[in-house]
Amino acid sequence: MEPAFFRLGEADEDIGRLSKKYGVPQILKITQGSPVLSGIIPIWGQIKVEPLAPSPVSELAANRDIRAGFLVSYLGSFRRTAQLGLPIYRLSGGPGFIWIASWGADGKVY
C-alpha cells in the first residue's frame, strides 16, 4: 500500500469511478472528533468489517503486537489509531475491494 494525495473532491471522484466497476459500496466514516477530522472507508463486494474489541485495541495503543486476523484503520498506523480512539476493523467475509482515506482540516492526508 502507498499513500495517495488528492485534491478536494478527488476522493469522491475516485470512489465514483470504483463504484462503476464494483457496484455500490458500504461506506464507513469517522463519526467522532479527533485530529483526523474526516475519514472514509468504502467497501465493495463480500468483505465484512467488525470493530476490534477494546482489549486488543489497548494492546495496540501500547505498541504491542496482537494476532487478530487482517486489520484496517483510517490512519494505517494501528498504534496511532488506537491512541486517538478511532476504530480499528477486522476484515472477514469473501472477495472484495476496500479503499481508505483520512485527512485533517489542513488537507494533509494521514
PDB file of N, CA and C in Angstrom:
ATOM      1  N   MET A   1       0.841  -1.174   0.000  1.00  0.00           N
ATOM      2  CA  MET A   1       0.000   0.000   0.000  1.00  0.00           C
ATOM      3  C   MET A   1       0.884   1.234   0.000  1.00  0.00           C
ATOM      4  N   GLU A   2       0.438   2.239  -0.695  1.00  0.00           N
ATOM      5  CA  GLU A   2       1.138   3.510  -0.741  1.00  0.00           C
ATOM      6  C   GLU A   2       0.137   4.625  -0.520  1.00  0.00           C
ATOM      7  N   PRO A   3       0.568   5.704   0.148  1.00  0.00           N
ATOM      8  CA  PRO A   3      -0.350   6.836   0.299  1.00  0.00           C
ATOM      9  C   PRO A   3      -0.582   7.511  -1.044  1.00  0.00           C
ATOM     10  N   ALA A   4      -1.765   8.024  -1.217  1.00  0.00           N
ATOM     11  CA  ALA A   4      -2.102   8.812  -2.398  1.00  0.00           C
ATOM     12  C   ALA A   4      -2.587  10.164  -1.913  1.00  0.00           C
ATOM     13  N   PHE A   5      -2.338  11.184  -2.665  1.00  0.00           N
ATOM     14  CA  PHE A   5      -2.737  12.520  -2.271  1.00  0.00           C
ATOM     15  C   PHE A   5      -3.767  13.038  -3.259  1.00  0.00           C
ATOM     16  N   PHE A   6      -4.876  13.562  -2.728  1.00  0.00           N
ATOM     17  CA  PHE A   6      -5.988  14.001  -3.553  1.00  0.00           C
ATOM     18  C   PHE A   6      -6.264  15.479  -3.325  1.00  0.00           C
ATOM     19  N   ARG A   7      -6.687  16.139  -4.367  1.00  0.00           N
ATOM     20  CA  ARG A   7      -7.221  17.489  -4.229  1.00  0.00           C
ATOM     21  C   ARG A   7      -8.664  17.359  -3.741  1.00  0.00           C
ATOM     22  N   LEU A   8      -9.213  18.460  -3.261  1.00  0.00           N
ATOM     23  CA  LEU A   8     -10.589  18.487  -2.779  1.00  0.00           C
ATOM     24  C   LEU A   8     -11.522  17.906  -3.837  1.00  0.00           C
ATOM     25  N   GLY A   9     -12.330  16.955  -3.474  1.00  0.00           N
ATOM     26  CA  GLY A   9     -13.297  16.342  -4.383  1.00  0.00           C
ATOM     27  C   GLY A   9     -12.770  15.129  -5.133  1.00  0.00           C
ATOM     28  N   GLU A  10     -11.446  14.972  -5.215  1.00  0.00           N
ATOM     29  CA  GLU A  10     -10.896  13.845  -5.964  1.00  0.00           C
ATOM     30  C   GLU A  10     -11.186  12.500  -5.309  1.00  0.00           C
ATOM     31  N   ALA A  11     -11.236  12.459  -3.979  1.00  0.00           N
ATOM     32  CA  ALA A  11     -11.550  11.200  -3.300  1.00  0.00           C
ATOM     33  C   ALA A  11     -12.946  10.738  -3.713  1.00  0.00           C
ATOM     34  N   ASP A  12     -13.904  11.671  -3.724  1.00  0.00           N
ATOM     35  CA  ASP A  12     -15.265  11.318  -4.140  1.00  0.00           C
ATOM     36  C   ASP A  12     -15.294  10.849  -5.593  1.00  0.00           C
ATOM     37  N   GLU A  13     -14.502  11.512  -6.440  1.00  0.00           N
ATOM     38  CA  GLU A  13     -14.433  11.097  -7.841  1.00  0.00           C
ATOM     39  C   GLU A  13     -13.863   9.685  -7.967  1.00  0.00           C
ATOM     40  N   ASP A  14     -12.835   9.383  -7.170  1.00  0.00           N
ATOM     41  CA  ASP A  14     -12.235   8.050  -7.229  1.00  0.00           C
ATOM     42  C   ASP A  14     -13.218   6.988  -6.745  1.00  0.00           C
ATOM     43  N   ILE A  15     -13.960   7.296  -5.672  1.00  0.00           N
ATOM     44  CA  ILE A  15     -14.971   6.362  -5.176  1.00  0.00           C
ATOM     45  C   ILE A  15     -16.042   6.143  -6.247  1.00  0.00           C
ATOM     46  N   GLY A  16     -16.450   7.215  -6.931  1.00  0.00           N
ATOM     47  CA  GLY A  16     -17.421   7.087  -8.017  1.00  0.00           C
ATOM     48  C   GLY A  16     -16.909   6.214  -9.145  1.00  0.00           C
ATOM     49  N   ARG A  17     -15.634   6.396  -9.517  1.00  0.00           N
ATOM     50  CA  ARG A  17     -15.031   5.584 -10.573  1.00  0.00           C
ATOM     51  C   ARG A  17     -15.005   4.109 -10.167  1.00  0.00           C
ATOM     52  N   LEU A  18     -14.597   3.843  -8.914  1.00  0.00           N
ATOM     53  CA  LEU A  18     -14.552   2.458  -8.434  1.00  0.00           C
ATOM     54  C   LEU A  18     -15.951   1.854  -8.327  1.00  0.00           C
ATOM     55  N   SER A  19     -16.932   2.684  -7.996  1.00  0.00           N
ATOM     56  CA  SER A  19     -18.318   2.197  -7.890  1.00  0.00           C
ATOM     57  C   SER A  19     -18.861   1.751  -9.237  1.00  0.00           C
ATOM     58  N   LYS A  20     -18.424   2.408 -10.310  1.00  0.00           N
ATOM     59  CA  LYS A  20     -18.842   1.979 -11.646  1.00  0.00           C
ATOM     60  C   LYS A  20     -18.310   0.588 -11.950  1.00  0.00           C
ATOM     61  N   LYS A  21     -17.140   0.274 -11.406  1.00  0.00           N
ATOM     62  CA  LYS A  21     -16.514  -1.023 -11.652  1.00  0.00           C
ATOM     63  C   LYS A  21     -17.043  -2.100 -10.709  1.00  0.00           C
ATOM     64  N   TYR A  22     -17.226  -1.749  -9.405  1.00  0.00           N
ATOM     65  CA  TYR A  22     -17.535  -2.758  -8.385  1.00  0.00           C
ATOM     66  C   TYR A  22     -18.958  -2.687  -7.827  1.00  0.00           C
ATOM     67  N   GLY A  23     -19.724  -1.649  -8.155  1.00  0.00           N
ATOM     68  CA  GLY A  23     -21.080  -1.505  -7.620  1.00  0.00           C
ATOM     69  C   GLY A  23     -21.120  -0.536  -6.446  1.00  0.00           C
ATOM     70  N   VAL A  24     -22.256  -0.462  -5.810  1.00  0.00           N
ATOM     71  CA  VAL A  24     -22.463   0.474  -4.706  1.00  0.00           C
ATOM     72  C   VAL A  24     -21.738  -0.040  -3.459  1.00  0.00           C
ATOM     73  N   PRO A  25     -20.881   0.813  -2.845  1.00  0.00           N
ATOM     74  CA  PRO A  25     -20.144   0.349  -1.665  1.00  0.00           C
ATOM     75  C   PRO A  25     -20.908   0.563  -0.373  1.00  0.00           C
ATOM     76  N   GLN A  26     -20.524  -0.214   0.626  1.00  0.00           N
ATOM     77  CA  GLN A  26     -20.882   0.099   2.010  1.00  0.00           C
ATOM     78  C   GLN A  26     -19.869   1.169   2.412  1.00  0.00           C
ATOM     79  N   ILE A  27     -20.286   2.210   3.120  1.00  0.00           N
ATOM     80  CA  ILE A  27     -19.357   3.289   3.465  1.00  0.00           C
ATOM     81  C   ILE A  27     -19.330   3.499   4.972  1.00  0.00           C
ATOM     82  N   LEU A  28     -18.102   3.479   5.523  1.00  0.00           N
ATOM     83  CA  LEU A  28     -17.870   3.819   6.922  1.00  0.00           C
ATOM     84  C   LEU A  28     -17.212   5.190   6.957  1.00  0.00           C
ATOM     85  N   LYS A  29     -17.606   6.029   7.935  1.00  0.00           N
ATOM     86  CA  LYS A  29     -16.995   7.350   8.080  1.00  0.00           C
ATOM     87  C   LYS A  29     -16.595   7.556   9.530  1.00  0.00           C
ATOM     88  N   ILE A  30     -15.565   8.369   9.730  1.00  0.00           N
ATOM     89  CA  ILE A  30     -15.207   8.757  11.101  1.00  0.00           C
ATOM     90  C   ILE A  30     -16.362   9.564  11.649  1.00  0.00           C
ATOM     91  N   THR A  31     -16.840   9.189  12.836  1.00  0.00           N
ATOM     92  CA  THR A  31     -18.009   9.850  13.406  1.00  0.00           C
ATOM     93  C   THR A  31     -17.720  10.537  14.734  1.00  0.00           C
ATOM     94  N   GLN A  32     -16.457  10.531  15.162  1.00  0.00           N
ATOM     95  CA  GLN A  32     -16.130  11.169  16.432  1.00  0.00           C
ATOM     96  C   GLN A  32     -15.033  12.192  16.209  1.00  0.00           C
ATOM     97  N   GLY A  33     -14.952  13.178  17.121  1.00  0.00           N
ATOM     98  CA  GLY A  33     -13.942  14.204  16.987  1.00  0.00           C
ATOM     99  C   GLY A  33     -12.543  13.663  17.248  1.00  0.00           C
ATOM    100  N   SER A  34     -11.574  14.142  16.495  1.00  0.00           N
ATOM    101  CA  SER A  34     -10.177  13.760  16.668  1.00  0.00           C
ATOM    102  C   SER A  34      -9.342  14.687  15.805  1.00  0.00           C
ATOM    103  N   PRO A  35      -8.012  14.607  15.901  1.00  0.00           N
ATOM    104  CA  PRO A  35      -7.189  15.400  14.987  1.00  0.00           C
ATOM    105  C   PRO A  35      -7.425  15.029  13.528  1.00  0.00           C
ATOM    106  N   VAL A  36      -7.898  13.822  13.275  1.00  0.00           N
ATOM    107  CA  VAL A  36      -8.275  13.436  11.920  1.00  0.00           C
ATOM    108  C   VAL A  36      -9.739  13.825  11.769  1.00  0.00           C
ATOM    109  N   LEU A  37      -9.971  14.911  11.060  1.00  0.00           N
ATOM    110  CA  LEU A  37     -11.319  15.454  11.005  1.00  0.00           C
ATOM    111  C   LEU A  37     -12.240  14.692  10.076  1.00  0.00           C
ATOM    112  N   SER A  38     -11.676  14.081   9.070  1.00  0.00           N
ATOM    113  CA  SER A  38     -12.507  13.361   8.109  1.00  0.00           C
ATOM    114  C   SER A  38     -11.834  12.044   7.727  1.00  0.00           C
ATOM    115  N   GLY A  39     -12.644  11.036   7.505  1.00  0.00           N
ATOM    116  CA  GLY A  39     -12.133   9.750   7.052  1.00  0.00           C
ATOM    117  C   GLY A  39     -13.259   8.941   6.452  1.00  0.00           C
ATOM    118  N   ILE A  40     -12.913   8.127   5.473  1.00  0.00           N
ATOM    119  CA  ILE A  40     -13.919   7.327   4.790  1.00  0.00           C
ATOM    120  C   ILE A  40     -13.318   5.978   4.401  1.00  0.00           C
ATOM    121  N   ILE A  41     -14.135   4.946   4.531  1.00  0.00           N
ATOM    122  CA  ILE A  41     -13.743   3.608   4.090  1.00  0.00           C
ATOM    123  C   ILE A  41     -14.903   3.035   3.277  1.00  0.00           C
ATOM    124  N   PRO A  42     -14.830   3.111   1.938  1.00  0.00           N
ATOM    125  CA  PRO A  42     -15.816   2.413   1.120  1.00  0.00           C
ATOM    126  C   PRO A  42     -15.395   0.946   0.948  1.00  0.00           C
ATOM    127  N   ILE A  43     -16.377   0.063   0.984  1.00  0.00           N
ATOM    128  CA  ILE A  43     -16.124  -1.376   0.918  1.00  0.00           C
ATOM    129  C   ILE A  43     -17.036  -1.972  -0.149  1.00  0.00           C
ATOM    130  N   TRP A  44     -16.421  -2.655  -1.090  1.00  0.00           N
ATOM    131  CA  TRP A  44     -17.172  -3.312  -2.152  1.00  0.00           C
ATOM    132  C   TRP A  44     -17.062  -4.826  -2.017  1.00  0.00           C
ATOM    133  N   GLY A  45     -18.067  -5.525  -2.498  1.00  0.00           N
ATOM    134  CA  GLY A  45     -18.018  -6.981  -2.538  1.00  0.00           C
ATOM    135  C   GLY A  45     -18.497  -7.622  -1.249  1.00  0.00           C
ATOM    136  N   GLN A  46     -17.922  -8.765  -0.929  1.00  0.00           N
ATOM    137  CA  GLN A  46     -18.380  -9.578   0.192  1.00  0.00           C
ATOM    138  C   GLN A  46     -17.569  -9.358   1.467  1.00  0.00           C
ATOM    139  N   ILE A  47     -16.706  -8.336   1.472  1.00  0.00           N
ATOM    140  CA  ILE A  47     -15.909  -8.049   2.664  1.00  0.00           C
ATOM    141  C   ILE A  47     -16.843  -7.608   3.787  1.00  0.00           C
ATOM    142  N   LYS A  48     -16.601  -8.140   4.965  1.00  0.00           N
ATOM    143  CA  LYS A  48     -17.336  -7.737   6.168  1.00  0.00           C
ATOM    144  C   LYS A  48     -16.332  -7.111   7.122  1.00  0.00           C
ATOM    145  N   VAL A  49     -16.748  -6.067   7.828  1.00  0.00           N
ATOM    146  CA  VAL A  49     -15.874  -5.416   8.804  1.00  0.00           C
ATOM    147  C   VAL A  49     -16.545  -5.448  10.169  1.00  0.00           C
ATOM    148  N   GLU A  50     -15.738  -5.653  11.190  1.00  0.00           N
ATOM    149  CA  GLU A  50     -16.256  -5.585  12.557  1.00  0.00           C
ATOM    150  C   GLU A  50     -15.232  -4.826  13.392  1.00  0.00           C
ATOM    151  N   PRO A  51     -15.704  -3.915  14.244  1.00  0.00           N
ATOM    152  CA  PRO A  51     -14.762  -3.180  15.094  1.00  0.00           C
ATOM    153  C   PRO A  51     -14.019  -4.146  16.013  1.00  0.00           C
ATOM    154  N   LEU A  52     -12.756  -3.889  16.185  1.00  0.00           N
ATOM    155  CA  LEU A  52     -11.929  -4.682  17.080  1.00  0.00           C
ATOM    156  C   LEU A  52     -12.345  -4.400  18.521  1.00  0.00           C
ATOM    157  N   ALA A  53     -12.358  -5.422  19.363  1.00  0.00           N
ATOM    158  CA  ALA A  53     -12.750  -5.291  20.773  1.00  0.00           C
ATOM    159  C   ALA A  53     -11.773  -4.372  21.515  1.00  0.00           C
ATOM    160  N   PRO A  54     -12.218  -3.754  22.616  1.00  0.00           N
ATOM    161  CA  PRO A  54     -11.368  -2.819  23.363  1.00  0.00           C
ATOM    162  C   PRO A  54     -10.042  -3.401  23.866  1.00  0.00           C
ATOM    163  N   SER A  55     -10.018  -4.651  24.298  1.00  0.00           N
ATOM    164  CA  SER A  55      -8.788  -5.228  24.844  1.00  0.00           C
ATOM    165  C   SER A  55      -7.652  -5.274  23.820  1.00  0.00           C
ATOM    166  N   PRO A  56      -7.872  -5.819  22.609  1.00  0.00           N
ATOM    167  CA  PRO A  56      -6.796  -5.788  21.619  1.00  0.00           C
ATOM    168  C   PRO A  56      -6.423  -4.367  21.187  1.00  0.00           C
ATOM    169  N   VAL A  57      -7.407  -3.463  21.171  1.00  0.00           N
ATOM    170  CA  VAL A  57      -7.109  -2.072  20.819  1.00  0.00           C
ATOM    171  C   VAL A  57      -6.159  -1.464  21.851  1.00  0.00           C
ATOM    172  N   SER A  58      -6.380  -1.763  23.131  1.00  0.00           N
ATOM    173  CA  SER A  58      -5.480  -1.279  24.182  1.00  0.00           C
ATOM    174  C   SER A  58      -4.075  -1.813  23.991  1.00  0.00           C
ATOM    175  N   GLU A  59      -3.964  -3.070  23.584  1.00  0.00           N
ATOM    176  CA  GLU A  59      -2.652  -3.667  23.329  1.00  0.00           C
ATOM    177  C   GLU A  59      -1.953  -2.934  22.175  1.00  0.00           C
ATOM    178  N   LEU A  60      -2.697  -2.626  21.129  1.00  0.00           N
ATOM    179  CA  LEU A  60      -2.120  -1.900  20.002  1.00  0.00           C
ATOM    180  C   LEU A  60      -1.697  -0.488  20.400  1.00  0.00           C
ATOM    181  N   ALA A  61      -2.500   0.162  21.245  1.00  0.00           N
ATOM    182  CA  ALA A  61      -2.152   1.509  21.714  1.00  0.00           C
ATOM    183  C   ALA A  61      -0.845   1.499  22.496  1.00  0.00           C
ATOM    184  N   ALA A  62      -0.570   0.398  23.184  1.00  0.00           N
ATOM    185  CA  ALA A  62       0.664   0.248  23.962  1.00  0.00           C
ATOM    186  C   ALA A  62       1.821  -0.264  23.092  1.00  0.00           C
ATOM    187  N   ASN A  63       1.604  -0.301  21.775  1.00  0.00           N
ATOM    188  CA  ASN A  63       2.610  -0.739  20.802  1.00  0.00           C
ATOM    189  C   ASN A  63       2.976  -2.220  20.942  1.00  0.00           C
ATOM    190  N   ARG A  64       2.013  -3.029  21.367  1.00  0.00           N
ATOM    191  CA  ARG A  64       2.207  -4.478  21.448  1.00  0.00           C
ATOM    192  C   ARG A  64       1.573  -5.136  20.232  1.00  0.00           C
ATOM    193  N   ASP A  65       2.179  -6.219  19.790  1.00  0.00           N
ATOM    194  CA  ASP A  65       1.628  -6.989  18.679  1.00  0.00           C
ATOM    195  C   ASP A  65       0.461  -7.839  19.159  1.00  0.00           C
ATOM    196  N   ILE A  66      -0.517  -8.002  18.288  1.00  0.00           N
ATOM    197  CA  ILE A  66      -1.646  -8.895  18.576  1.00  0.00           C
ATOM    198  C   ILE A  66      -1.854  -9.790  17.361  1.00  0.00           C
ATOM    199  N   ARG A  67      -2.547 -10.868  17.570  1.00  0.00           N
ATOM    200  CA  ARG A  67      -2.947 -11.762  16.480  1.00  0.00           C
ATOM    201  C   ARG A  67      -4.476 -11.691  16.401  1.00  0.00           C
ATOM    202  N   ALA A  68      -4.959 -10.959  15.408  1.00  0.00           N
ATOM    203  CA  ALA A  68      -6.402 -10.767  15.308  1.00  0.00           C
ATOM    204  C   ALA A  68      -6.904 -10.857  13.875  1.00  0.00           C
ATOM    205  N   GLY A  69      -6.104 -11.423  12.987  1.00  0.00           N
ATOM    206  CA  GLY A  69      -6.522 -11.506  11.603  1.00  0.00           C
ATOM    207  C   GLY A  69      -6.104 -10.273  10.831  1.00  0.00           C
ATOM    208  N   PHE A  70      -6.764 -10.031   9.704  1.00  0.00           N
ATOM    209  CA  PHE A  70      -6.422  -8.895   8.854  1.00  0.00           C
ATOM    210  C   PHE A  70      -7.150  -7.665   9.363  1.00  0.00           C
ATOM    211  N   LEU A  71      -6.388  -6.617   9.686  1.00  0.00           N
ATOM    212  CA  LEU A  71      -6.948  -5.405  10.267  1.00  0.00           C
ATOM    213  C   LEU A  71      -6.749  -4.216   9.338  1.00  0.00           C
ATOM    214  N   VAL A  72      -7.661  -3.245   9.424  1.00  0.00           N
ATOM    215  CA  VAL A  72      -7.523  -1.971   8.719  1.00  0.00           C
ATOM    216  C   VAL A  72      -7.937  -0.852   9.664  1.00  0.00           C
ATOM    217  N   SER A  73      -7.393   0.347   9.383  1.00  0.00           N
ATOM    218  CA  SER A  73      -7.768   1.525  10.158  1.00  0.00           C
ATOM    219  C   SER A  73      -7.730   2.742   9.245  1.00  0.00           C
ATOM    220  N   TYR A  74      -8.272   3.843   9.731  1.00  0.00           N
ATOM    221  CA  TYR A  74      -8.275   5.065   8.942  1.00  0.00           C
ATOM    222  C   TYR A  74      -6.871   5.612   8.715  1.00  0.00           C
ATOM    223  N   LEU A  75      -5.955   5.373   9.640  1.00  0.00           N
ATOM    224  CA  LEU A  75      -4.640   6.000   9.578  1.00  0.00           C
ATOM    225  C   LEU A  75      -3.536   5.110   9.038  1.00  0.00           C
ATOM    226  N   GLY A  76      -3.729   3.812   9.004  1.00  0.00           N
ATOM    227  CA  GLY A  76      -2.665   2.924   8.565  1.00  0.00           C
ATOM    228  C   GLY A  76      -1.714   2.542   9.685  1.00  0.00           C
ATOM    229  N   SER A  77      -1.633   3.334  10.732  1.00  0.00           N
ATOM    230  CA  SER A  77      -0.844   3.025  11.923  1.00  0.00           C
ATOM    231  C   SER A  77      -1.815   2.593  13.016  1.00  0.00           C
ATOM    232  N   PHE A  78      -1.772   1.313  13.359  1.00  0.00           N
ATOM    233  CA  PHE A  78      -2.715   0.819  14.368  1.00  0.00           C
ATOM    234  C   PHE A  78      -2.450   1.455  15.730  1.00  0.00           C
ATOM    235  N   ARG A  79      -1.185   1.662  16.074  1.00  0.00           N
ATOM    236  CA  ARG A  79      -0.861   2.276  17.359  1.00  0.00           C
ATOM    237  C   ARG A  79      -1.446   3.683  17.444  1.00  0.00           C
ATOM    238  N   ARG A  80      -1.186   4.505  16.442  1.00  0.00           N
ATOM    239  CA  ARG A  80      -1.706   5.883  16.452  1.00  0.00           C
ATOM    240  C   ARG A  80      -3.237   5.898  16.407  1.00  0.00           C
ATOM    241  N   THR A  81      -3.819   5.029  15.603  1.00  0.00           N
ATOM    242  CA  THR A  81      -5.273   4.938  15.520  1.00  0.00           C
ATOM    243  C   THR A  81      -5.869   4.615  16.884  1.00  0.00           C
ATOM    244  N   ALA A  82      -5.298   3.616  17.575  1.00  0.00           N
ATOM    245  CA  ALA A  82      -5.794   3.216  18.896  1.00  0.00           C
ATOM    246  C   ALA A  82      -5.605   4.343  19.904  1.00  0.00           C
ATOM    247  N   GLN A  83      -4.462   5.024  19.869  1.00  0.00           N
ATOM    248  CA  GLN A  83      -4.201   6.112  20.816  1.00  0.00           C
ATOM    249  C   GLN A  83      -5.170   7.274  20.626  1.00  0.00           C
ATOM    250  N   LEU A  84      -5.617   7.497  19.397  1.00  0.00           N
ATOM    251  CA  LEU A  84      -6.572   8.571  19.118  1.00  0.00           C
ATOM    252  C   LEU A  84      -8.025   8.159  19.375  1.00  0.00           C
ATOM    253  N   GLY A  85      -8.242   6.880  19.697  1.00  0.00           N
ATOM    254  CA  GLY A  85      -9.601   6.413  19.972  1.00  0.00           C
ATOM    255  C   GLY A  85     -10.437   6.179  18.729  1.00  0.00           C
ATOM    256  N   LEU A  86      -9.781   6.065  17.576  1.00  0.00           N
ATOM    257  CA  LEU A  86     -10.508   5.776  16.340  1.00  0.00           C
ATOM    258  C   LEU A  86     -10.666   4.272  16.185  1.00  0.00           C
ATOM    259  N   PRO A  87     -11.681   3.829  15.467  1.00  0.00           N
ATOM    260  CA  PRO A  87     -11.905   2.387  15.338  1.00  0.00           C
ATOM    261  C   PRO A  87     -10.856   1.688  14.477  1.00  0.00           C
ATOM    262  N   ILE A  88     -10.587   0.458  14.845  1.00  0.00           N
ATOM    263  CA  ILE A  88      -9.773  -0.461  14.060  1.00  0.00           C
ATOM    264  C   ILE A  88     -10.701  -1.617  13.713  1.00  0.00           C
ATOM    265  N   TYR A  89     -10.686  -2.027  12.465  1.00  0.00           N
ATOM    266  CA  TYR A  89     -11.619  -3.047  11.998  1.00  0.00           C
ATOM    267  C   TYR A  89     -10.903  -4.336  11.617  1.00  0.00           C
ATOM    268  N   ARG A  90     -11.551  -5.462  11.929  1.00  0.00           N
ATOM    269  CA  ARG A  90     -11.104  -6.772  11.477  1.00  0.00           C
ATOM    270  C   ARG A  90     -11.917  -7.109  10.232  1.00  0.00           C
ATOM    271  N   LEU A  91     -11.233  -7.606   9.204  1.00  0.00           N
ATOM    272  CA  LEU A  91     -11.911  -7.980   7.960  1.00  0.00           C
ATOM    273  C   LEU A  91     -12.219  -9.469   7.942  1.00  0.00           C
ATOM    274  N   SER A  92     -13.370  -9.798   7.396  1.00  0.00           N
ATOM    275  CA  SER A  92     -13.753 -11.190   7.175  1.00  0.00           C
ATOM    276  C   SER A  92     -14.634 -11.217   5.935  1.00  0.00           C
ATOM    277  N   GLY A  93     -15.271 -12.343   5.695  1.00  0.00           N
ATOM    278  CA  GLY A  93     -16.165 -12.453   4.553  1.00  0.00           C
ATOM    279  C   GLY A  93     -15.472 -13.019   3.340  1.00  0.00           C
ATOM    280  N   GLY A  94     -15.822 -12.484   2.184  1.00  0.00           N
ATOM    281  CA  GLY A  94     -15.300 -13.010   0.932  1.00  0.00           C
ATOM    282  C   GLY A  94     -14.573 -11.962   0.117  1.00  0.00           C
ATOM    283  N   PRO A  95     -14.469 -12.205  -1.195  1.00  0.00           N
ATOM    284  CA  PRO A  95     -13.714 -11.299  -2.051  1.00  0.00           C
ATOM    285  C   PRO A  95     -14.357  -9.917  -2.145  1.00  0.00           C
ATOM    286  N   GLY A  96     -13.511  -8.937  -2.349  1.00  0.00           N
ATOM    287  CA  GLY A  96     -13.987  -7.580  -2.476  1.00  0.00           C
ATOM    288  C   GLY A  96     -12.835  -6.603  -2.568  1.00  0.00           C
ATOM    289  N   PHE A  97     -13.154  -5.341  -2.427  1.00  0.00           N
ATOM    290  CA  PHE A  97     -12.184  -4.266  -2.545  1.00  0.00           C
ATOM    291  C   PHE A  97     -12.478  -3.253  -1.453  1.00  0.00           C
ATOM    292  N   ILE A  98     -11.423  -2.771  -0.792  1.00  0.00           N
ATOM    293  CA  ILE A  98     -11.589  -1.772   0.268  1.00  0.00           C
ATOM    294  C   ILE A  98     -10.634  -0.622  -0.018  1.00  0.00           C
ATOM    295  N   TRP A  99     -11.083   0.614   0.224  1.00  0.00           N
ATOM    296  CA  TRP A  99     -10.318   1.811  -0.090  1.00  0.00           C
ATOM    297  C   TRP A  99     -10.427   2.710   1.136  1.00  0.00           C
ATOM    298  N   ILE A 100      -9.322   3.263   1.605  1.00  0.00           N
ATOM    299  CA  ILE A 100      -9.334   4.029   2.860  1.00  0.00           C
ATOM    300  C   ILE A 100      -8.685   5.387   2.641  1.00  0.00           C
ATOM    301  N   ALA A 101      -9.315   6.438   3.171  1.00  0.00           N
ATOM    302  CA  ALA A 101      -8.732   7.777   3.115  1.00  0.00           C
ATOM    303  C   ALA A 101      -9.070   8.526   4.399  1.00  0.00           C
ATOM    304  N   SER A 102      -8.108   9.322   4.875  1.00  0.00           N
ATOM    305  CA  SER A 102      -8.356  10.211   6.010  1.00  0.00           C
ATOM    306  C   SER A 102      -7.533  11.472   5.823  1.00  0.00           C
ATOM    307  N   TRP A 103      -8.056  12.592   6.340  1.00  0.00           N
ATOM    308  CA  TRP A 103      -7.378  13.868   6.152  1.00  0.00           C
ATOM    309  C   TRP A 103      -7.781  14.826   7.263  1.00  0.00           C
ATOM    310  N   GLY A 104      -6.925  15.806   7.524  1.00  0.00           N
ATOM    311  CA  GLY A 104      -7.181  16.811   8.543  1.00  0.00           C
ATOM    312  C   GLY A 104      -7.698  18.085   7.932  1.00  0.00           C
ATOM    313  N   ALA A 105      -7.967  19.070   8.779  1.00  0.00           N
ATOM    314  CA  ALA A 105      -8.504  20.346   8.312  1.00  0.00           C
ATOM    315  C   ALA A 105      -7.549  21.047   7.359  1.00  0.00           C
ATOM    316  N   ASP A 106      -6.254  20.777   7.508  1.00  0.00           N
ATOM    317  CA  ASP A 106      -5.259  21.385   6.639  1.00  0.00           C
ATOM    318  C   ASP A 106      -5.145  20.680   5.290  1.00  0.00           C
ATOM    319  N   GLY A 107      -5.938  19.621   5.089  1.00  0.00           N
ATOM    320  CA  GLY A 107      -5.904  18.863   3.852  1.00  0.00           C
ATOM    321  C   GLY A 107      -4.844  17.783   3.843  1.00  0.00           C
ATOM    322  N   LYS A 108      -4.036  17.720   4.897  1.00  0.00           N
ATOM    323  CA  LYS A 108      -2.978  16.726   4.960  1.00  0.00           C
ATOM    324  C   LYS A 108      -3.592  15.337   5.100  1.00  0.00           C
ATOM    325  N   VAL A 109      -3.125  14.425   4.282  1.00  0.00           N
ATOM    326  CA  VAL A 109      -3.589  13.042   4.361  1.00  0.00           C
ATOM    327  C   VAL A 109      -2.796  12.354   5.453  1.00  0.00           C
ATOM    328  N   TYR A 110      -3.486  11.619   6.335  1.00  0.00           N
ATOM    329  CA  TYR A 110      -2.825  10.932   7.442  1.00  0.00           C
ATOM    330  C   TYR A 110      -2.543   9.502   7.086  1.00  0.00           C
TER     331      TYR A 110
END
